């Protein structure tokens, strides 16, 4: 079963994601798969809490993107929200920040290769 979630991104980030997906051999219909892989990889990092906090600094958020994730990944995100809130109790919109940070990290990592 898949869960529908949405995240607000900048227009530039959306364009960049599409370009990267295509360059990595994904079709435009595989956006959810690409983002899910980014989130899964991100949550494996020891320092992901700090990166979530940094994602709060991203601005020019203008467009809502809908993705579908597995229930298993949704549970991982829920646990990550609890963990981040322990460290940053006043942080708002943690789920969106996790997703946004995951996407940005994947874009940055790919640009280094």
C-alpha atoms as a PDB file:
ATOM      1  CA  UNK A   1       0.000   0.000   0.000  1.00  0.00           C
ATOM      2  CA  UNK A   2       1.242   3.471  -0.854  1.00  0.00           C
ATOM      3  CA  UNK A   3       0.683   6.670   1.095  1.00  0.00           C
ATOM      4  CA  UNK A   4       0.198   9.983  -0.643  1.00  0.00           C
ATOM      5  CA  UNK A   5       2.252  12.844   0.768  1.00  0.00           C
ATOM      6  CA  UNK A   6       3.027  16.293  -0.500  1.00  0.00           C
ATOM      7  CA  UNK A   7       5.968  18.613  -0.129  1.00  0.00           C
ATOM      8  CA  UNK A   8       6.458  22.186  -1.250  1.00  0.00           C
ATOM      9  CA  UNK A   9       9.581  22.801  -3.300  1.00  0.00           C
ATOM     10  CA  UNK A  10      11.039  25.649  -5.307  1.00  0.00           C
ATOM     11  CA  UNK A  11      10.467  25.711  -9.042  1.00  0.00           C
ATOM     12  CA  UNK A  12      14.237  25.298  -9.551  1.00  0.00           C
ATOM     13  CA  UNK A  13      14.337  22.196  -7.344  1.00  0.00           C
ATOM     14  CA  UNK A  14      11.482  20.618  -9.290  1.00  0.00           C
ATOM     15  CA  UNK A  15      13.246  21.260 -12.600  1.00  0.00           C
ATOM     16  CA  UNK A  16      16.519  19.920 -11.181  1.00  0.00           C
ATOM     17  CA  UNK A  17      14.842  16.750  -9.886  1.00  0.00           C
ATOM     18  CA  UNK A  18      13.329  16.052 -13.307  1.00  0.00           C
ATOM     19  CA  UNK A  19      16.657  16.593 -15.061  1.00  0.00           C
ATOM     20  CA  UNK A  20      18.474  14.334 -12.592  1.00  0.00           C
ATOM     21  CA  UNK A  21      15.851  11.618 -12.822  1.00  0.00           C
ATOM     22  CA  UNK A  22      16.178  11.522 -16.585  1.00  0.00           C
ATOM     23  CA  UNK A  23      19.983  11.591 -16.454  1.00  0.00           C
ATOM     24  CA  UNK A  24      19.915   8.629 -14.032  1.00  0.00           C
ATOM     25  CA  UNK A  25      17.636   6.625 -16.311  1.00  0.00           C
ATOM     26  CA  UNK A  26      14.350   7.159 -14.441  1.00  0.00           C
ATOM     27  CA  UNK A  27      11.200   8.051 -16.321  1.00  0.00           C
ATOM     28  CA  UNK A  28       9.128  11.058 -15.283  1.00  0.00           C
ATOM     29  CA  UNK A  29       6.575   8.584 -13.885  1.00  0.00           C
ATOM     30  CA  UNK A  30       9.168   7.333 -11.380  1.00  0.00           C
ATOM     31  CA  UNK A  31       9.397  10.535  -9.321  1.00  0.00           C
ATOM     32  CA  UNK A  32       8.031   8.801  -6.218  1.00  0.00           C
ATOM     33  CA  UNK A  33      10.632   6.038  -6.543  1.00  0.00           C
ATOM     34  CA  UNK A  34      13.456   8.572  -6.944  1.00  0.00           C
ATOM     35  CA  UNK A  35      12.300  10.627  -3.929  1.00  0.00           C
ATOM     36  CA  UNK A  36      11.712   7.493  -1.823  1.00  0.00           C
ATOM     37  CA  UNK A  37      15.277   6.363  -2.506  1.00  0.00           C
ATOM     38  CA  UNK A  38      16.526   9.823  -1.539  1.00  0.00           C
ATOM     39  CA  UNK A  39      14.581   9.737   1.744  1.00  0.00           C
ATOM     40  CA  UNK A  40      15.693   6.205   2.601  1.00  0.00           C
ATOM     41  CA  UNK A  41      19.344   7.067   1.981  1.00  0.00           C
ATOM     42  CA  UNK A  42      19.024  10.333   3.931  1.00  0.00           C
ATOM     43  CA  UNK A  43      17.581   8.630   7.015  1.00  0.00           C
ATOM     44  CA  UNK A  44      20.606   6.307   7.129  1.00  0.00           C
ATOM     45  CA  UNK A  45      22.891   9.257   7.893  1.00  0.00           C
ATOM     46  CA  UNK A  46      24.012   9.803  11.479  1.00  0.00           C
ATOM     47  CA  UNK A  47      23.823  13.582  11.069  1.00  0.00           C
ATOM     48  CA  UNK A  48      20.459  13.804   9.332  1.00  0.00           C
ATOM     49  CA  UNK A  49      18.953  15.757  12.288  1.00  0.00           C
ATOM     50  CA  UNK A  50      21.227  18.731  11.619  1.00  0.00           C
ATOM     51  CA  UNK A  51      20.515  18.577   7.891  1.00  0.00           C
ATOM     52  CA  UNK A  52      16.780  18.675   8.599  1.00  0.00           C
ATOM     53  CA  UNK A  53      17.357  21.842  10.621  1.00  0.00           C
ATOM     54  CA  UNK A  54      19.311  23.346   7.699  1.00  0.00           C
ATOM     55  CA  UNK A  55      16.452  22.561   5.315  1.00  0.00           C
ATOM     56  CA  UNK A  56      14.471  25.183   7.198  1.00  0.00           C
ATOM     57  CA  UNK A  57      16.666  27.788   5.476  1.00  0.00           C
ATOM     58  CA  UNK A  58      15.507  26.820   1.978  1.00  0.00           C
ATOM     59  CA  UNK A  59      13.280  29.519   0.568  1.00  0.00           C
ATOM     60  CA  UNK A  60      11.421  30.306  -2.673  1.00  0.00           C
ATOM     61  CA  UNK A  61       9.100  27.407  -1.959  1.00  0.00           C
ATOM     62  CA  UNK A  62       6.352  27.772  -4.495  1.00  0.00           C
ATOM     63  CA  UNK A  63       4.985  24.511  -5.763  1.00  0.00           C
ATOM     64  CA  UNK A  64       3.423  21.478  -4.139  1.00  0.00           C
ATOM     65  CA  UNK A  65       4.616  18.124  -5.385  1.00  0.00           C
ATOM     66  CA  UNK A  66       2.773  14.914  -4.584  1.00  0.00           C
ATOM     67  CA  UNK A  67       4.663  11.681  -4.099  1.00  0.00           C
ATOM     68  CA  UNK A  68       3.640   8.196  -3.067  1.00  0.00           C
ATOM     69  CA  UNK A  69       5.700   6.316  -0.525  1.00  0.00           C
ATOM     70  CA  UNK A  70       5.465   2.867   1.003  1.00  0.00           C
ATOM     71  CA  UNK A  71       3.948   2.401   4.441  1.00  0.00           C
ATOM     72  CA  UNK A  72       7.352   1.159   5.606  1.00  0.00           C
ATOM     73  CA  UNK A  73       9.073   4.376   4.516  1.00  0.00           C
ATOM     74  CA  UNK A  74       6.257   6.426   6.050  1.00  0.00           C
ATOM     75  CA  UNK A  75       6.908   4.660   9.369  1.00  0.00           C
ATOM     76  CA  UNK A  76      10.618   5.456   9.100  1.00  0.00           C
ATOM     77  CA  UNK A  77       9.769   9.105   8.488  1.00  0.00           C
ATOM     78  CA  UNK A  78       7.423   9.121  11.489  1.00  0.00           C
ATOM     79  CA  UNK A  79      10.228   7.786  13.698  1.00  0.00           C
ATOM     80  CA  UNK A  80      12.627  10.362  12.251  1.00  0.00           C
ATOM     81  CA  UNK A  81      10.123  13.112  13.102  1.00  0.00           C
ATOM     82  CA  UNK A  82      10.138  11.974  16.731  1.00  0.00           C
ATOM     83  CA  UNK A  83      13.951  11.881  16.765  1.00  0.00           C
ATOM     84  CA  UNK A  84      14.281  15.342  15.201  1.00  0.00           C
ATOM     85  CA  UNK A  85      11.696  16.817  17.586  1.00  0.00           C
ATOM     86  CA  UNK A  86      13.745  15.549  20.546  1.00  0.00           C
ATOM     87  CA  UNK A  87      16.681  17.621  19.329  1.00  0.00           C
ATOM     88  CA  UNK A  88      14.723  20.572  17.868  1.00  0.00           C
ATOM     89  CA  UNK A  89      11.388  20.720  19.729  1.00  0.00           C
ATOM     90  CA  UNK A  90      10.305  24.031  18.164  1.00  0.00           C
ATOM     91  CA  UNK A  91      10.942  23.029  14.561  1.00  0.00           C
ATOM     92  CA  UNK A  92       7.801  23.265  12.423  1.00  0.00           C
ATOM     93  CA  UNK A  93       6.866  21.098   9.446  1.00  0.00           C
ATOM     94  CA  UNK A  94       9.413  18.402  10.216  1.00  0.00           C
ATOM     95  CA  UNK A  95       8.025  15.868   7.722  1.00  0.00           C
ATOM     96  CA  UNK A  96       8.307  18.327   4.843  1.00  0.00           C
ATOM     97  CA  UNK A  97      11.761  19.355   6.014  1.00  0.00           C
ATOM     98  CA  UNK A  98      12.918  15.725   6.016  1.00  0.00           C
ATOM     99  CA  UNK A  99      11.642  15.194   2.487  1.00  0.00           C
ATOM    100  CA  UNK A 100      13.067  18.503   1.243  1.00  0.00           C
ATOM    101  CA  UNK A 101      16.472  17.811   2.849  1.00  0.00           C
ATOM    102  CA  UNK A 102      16.510  14.323   1.312  1.00  0.00           C
ATOM    103  CA  UNK A 103      15.851  15.704  -2.160  1.00  0.00           C
ATOM    104  CA  UNK A 104      18.434  18.481  -1.834  1.00  0.00           C
ATOM    105  CA  UNK A 105      21.040  16.034  -0.542  1.00  0.00           C
ATOM    106  CA  UNK A 106      20.500  13.691  -3.473  1.00  0.00           C
ATOM    107  CA  UNK A 107      20.779  16.590  -5.907  1.00  0.00           C
ATOM    108  CA  UNK A 108      23.994  17.801  -4.271  1.00  0.00           C
ATOM    109  CA  UNK A 109      25.558  14.344  -4.164  1.00  0.00           C
ATOM    110  CA  UNK A 110      24.847  13.784  -7.833  1.00  0.00           C
ATOM    111  CA  UNK A 111      26.338  17.109  -8.827  1.00  0.00           C
ATOM    112  CA  UNK A 112      29.644  16.078  -7.225  1.00  0.00           C
ATOM    113  CA  UNK A 113      30.046  13.018  -9.438  1.00  0.00           C
END
